[in-house]
């Protein structure tokens, strides 16, 4: 069988060393938020800062990925998202990504 892992459908800035959270942001090759993906459906936008998963703080993109991968596709996670200084909680249902 092929390995699948859970995804929320965002690219995060792995160069951001601020430790404030995981900054959603793409580059020339990929969008910050995958259109029609779990994060898009939950209302997450490019530039948002994801600061917690199920209430557990995430300081950077790496921590966000580790938290997401400890779950399974189809699981629901509550993400704490900051935009323009305002914090809100959104529920995301994890999608799947096959191994590339």
C-alpha atoms as a PDB file:
ATOM      1  CA  UNK A   1       0.000   0.000   0.000  1.00  0.00           C
ATOM      2  CA  UNK A   2       1.073   3.591  -0.373  1.00  0.00           C
ATOM      3  CA  UNK A   3       1.764   5.772   2.623  1.00  0.00           C
ATOM      4  CA  UNK A   4      -0.537   8.702   3.194  1.00  0.00           C
ATOM      5  CA  UNK A   5      -0.206  11.437   5.733  1.00  0.00           C
ATOM      6  CA  UNK A   6      -2.692  13.996   6.966  1.00  0.00           C
ATOM      7  CA  UNK A   7      -2.559  17.529   5.608  1.00  0.00           C
ATOM      8  CA  UNK A   8      -4.424  20.780   6.153  1.00  0.00           C
ATOM      9  CA  UNK A   9      -3.540  22.161   2.735  1.00  0.00           C
ATOM     10  CA  UNK A  10      -1.221  25.038   3.559  1.00  0.00           C
ATOM     11  CA  UNK A  11       2.390  25.930   2.929  1.00  0.00           C
ATOM     12  CA  UNK A  12       4.149  27.416   5.931  1.00  0.00           C
ATOM     13  CA  UNK A  13       7.141  29.709   6.033  1.00  0.00           C
ATOM     14  CA  UNK A  14       9.968  27.479   7.284  1.00  0.00           C
ATOM     15  CA  UNK A  15      12.402  30.423   7.390  1.00  0.00           C
ATOM     16  CA  UNK A  16      10.397  32.393   9.959  1.00  0.00           C
ATOM     17  CA  UNK A  17      12.392  32.207  13.190  1.00  0.00           C
ATOM     18  CA  UNK A  18      10.127  34.430  15.285  1.00  0.00           C
ATOM     19  CA  UNK A  19       8.717  31.499  17.319  1.00  0.00           C
ATOM     20  CA  UNK A  20       5.316  33.248  17.263  1.00  0.00           C
ATOM     21  CA  UNK A  21       3.609  30.451  15.382  1.00  0.00           C
ATOM     22  CA  UNK A  22       3.423  28.909  11.921  1.00  0.00           C
ATOM     23  CA  UNK A  23       3.029  31.622   9.283  1.00  0.00           C
ATOM     24  CA  UNK A  24       0.934  30.527   6.311  1.00  0.00           C
ATOM     25  CA  UNK A  25       2.700  31.585   3.141  1.00  0.00           C
ATOM     26  CA  UNK A  26       3.572  30.154  -0.214  1.00  0.00           C
ATOM     27  CA  UNK A  27       6.229  31.035  -2.721  1.00  0.00           C
ATOM     28  CA  UNK A  28       6.401  31.264  -6.494  1.00  0.00           C
ATOM     29  CA  UNK A  29       5.902  27.515  -6.850  1.00  0.00           C
ATOM     30  CA  UNK A  30       3.019  26.899  -4.486  1.00  0.00           C
ATOM     31  CA  UNK A  31       0.210  28.862  -2.913  1.00  0.00           C
ATOM     32  CA  UNK A  32       0.032  29.491   0.821  1.00  0.00           C
ATOM     33  CA  UNK A  33      -3.420  27.925   0.959  1.00  0.00           C
ATOM     34  CA  UNK A  34      -4.429  25.106  -1.382  1.00  0.00           C
ATOM     35  CA  UNK A  35      -7.696  26.087  -3.056  1.00  0.00           C
ATOM     36  CA  UNK A  36     -10.527  23.793  -1.970  1.00  0.00           C
ATOM     37  CA  UNK A  37      -8.329  22.155   0.683  1.00  0.00           C
ATOM     38  CA  UNK A  38      -9.161  21.751   4.386  1.00  0.00           C
ATOM     39  CA  UNK A  39      -7.609  25.076   5.467  1.00  0.00           C
ATOM     40  CA  UNK A  40      -9.303  26.959   2.620  1.00  0.00           C
ATOM     41  CA  UNK A  41     -12.688  25.527   3.653  1.00  0.00           C
ATOM     42  CA  UNK A  42     -12.003  26.597   7.251  1.00  0.00           C
ATOM     43  CA  UNK A  43     -11.313  30.176   6.126  1.00  0.00           C
ATOM     44  CA  UNK A  44      -7.547  30.228   6.648  1.00  0.00           C
ATOM     45  CA  UNK A  45      -5.791  32.763   4.409  1.00  0.00           C
ATOM     46  CA  UNK A  46      -2.287  33.496   3.188  1.00  0.00           C
ATOM     47  CA  UNK A  47      -0.417  35.417   5.895  1.00  0.00           C
ATOM     48  CA  UNK A  48      -2.407  33.968   8.809  1.00  0.00           C
ATOM     49  CA  UNK A  49      -0.418  32.839  11.835  1.00  0.00           C
ATOM     50  CA  UNK A  50      -1.358  29.440  13.264  1.00  0.00           C
ATOM     51  CA  UNK A  51      -0.497  29.587  16.956  1.00  0.00           C
ATOM     52  CA  UNK A  52      -2.055  26.412  18.390  1.00  0.00           C
ATOM     53  CA  UNK A  53      -3.467  23.004  17.472  1.00  0.00           C
ATOM     54  CA  UNK A  54      -6.188  21.717  19.819  1.00  0.00           C
ATOM     55  CA  UNK A  55      -5.042  24.291  22.360  1.00  0.00           C
ATOM     56  CA  UNK A  56      -1.394  23.169  22.270  1.00  0.00           C
ATOM     57  CA  UNK A  57       0.953  26.013  21.318  1.00  0.00           C
ATOM     58  CA  UNK A  58       2.943  25.762  18.082  1.00  0.00           C
ATOM     59  CA  UNK A  59       5.964  28.032  17.711  1.00  0.00           C
ATOM     60  CA  UNK A  60       6.877  27.387  14.067  1.00  0.00           C
ATOM     61  CA  UNK A  61       6.054  25.514  10.887  1.00  0.00           C
ATOM     62  CA  UNK A  62       7.957  22.423  11.954  1.00  0.00           C
ATOM     63  CA  UNK A  63       5.948  22.072  15.174  1.00  0.00           C
ATOM     64  CA  UNK A  64       2.714  22.535  13.226  1.00  0.00           C
ATOM     65  CA  UNK A  65       3.656  19.716  10.836  1.00  0.00           C
ATOM     66  CA  UNK A  66       4.601  17.400  13.720  1.00  0.00           C
ATOM     67  CA  UNK A  67       1.250  18.071  15.442  1.00  0.00           C
ATOM     68  CA  UNK A  68      -0.744  17.463  12.264  1.00  0.00           C
ATOM     69  CA  UNK A  69       1.121  14.263  11.421  1.00  0.00           C
ATOM     70  CA  UNK A  70       0.334  12.806  14.849  1.00  0.00           C
ATOM     71  CA  UNK A  71      -3.290  12.625  13.666  1.00  0.00           C
ATOM     72  CA  UNK A  72      -5.037  10.746  10.881  1.00  0.00           C
ATOM     73  CA  UNK A  73      -6.784  11.926   7.725  1.00  0.00           C
ATOM     74  CA  UNK A  74     -10.419  12.668   8.573  1.00  0.00           C
ATOM     75  CA  UNK A  75      -9.617  13.811  12.136  1.00  0.00           C
ATOM     76  CA  UNK A  76     -10.915  17.230  13.136  1.00  0.00           C
ATOM     77  CA  UNK A  77      -8.469  19.689  14.685  1.00  0.00           C
ATOM     78  CA  UNK A  78      -9.117  23.047  16.258  1.00  0.00           C
ATOM     79  CA  UNK A  79      -6.562  25.578  15.054  1.00  0.00           C
ATOM     80  CA  UNK A  80      -5.993  28.913  16.742  1.00  0.00           C
ATOM     81  CA  UNK A  81      -5.332  31.446  14.003  1.00  0.00           C
ATOM     82  CA  UNK A  82      -4.191  35.051  14.300  1.00  0.00           C
ATOM     83  CA  UNK A  83      -4.907  37.625  11.596  1.00  0.00           C
ATOM     84  CA  UNK A  84      -4.389  41.381  11.973  1.00  0.00           C
ATOM     85  CA  UNK A  85      -3.848  40.942  15.712  1.00  0.00           C
ATOM     86  CA  UNK A  86      -7.181  39.154  16.222  1.00  0.00           C
ATOM     87  CA  UNK A  87      -7.252  35.552  17.328  1.00  0.00           C
ATOM     88  CA  UNK A  88      -9.926  33.066  16.370  1.00  0.00           C
ATOM     89  CA  UNK A  89     -10.440  29.325  16.463  1.00  0.00           C
ATOM     90  CA  UNK A  90     -11.311  27.314  13.374  1.00  0.00           C
ATOM     91  CA  UNK A  91     -12.023  23.621  12.909  1.00  0.00           C
ATOM     92  CA  UNK A  92     -10.174  21.838  10.132  1.00  0.00           C
ATOM     93  CA  UNK A  93     -10.864  18.293   8.934  1.00  0.00           C
ATOM     94  CA  UNK A  94      -7.581  16.707   7.884  1.00  0.00           C
ATOM     95  CA  UNK A  95      -7.192  15.671   4.264  1.00  0.00           C
ATOM     96  CA  UNK A  96      -4.743  13.168   2.819  1.00  0.00           C
ATOM     97  CA  UNK A  97      -1.587  13.500   0.820  1.00  0.00           C
ATOM     98  CA  UNK A  98      -0.011  10.551  -0.901  1.00  0.00           C
ATOM     99  CA  UNK A  99       3.726  10.165  -0.907  1.00  0.00           C
ATOM    100  CA  UNK A 100       5.199  12.112  -3.809  1.00  0.00           C
END
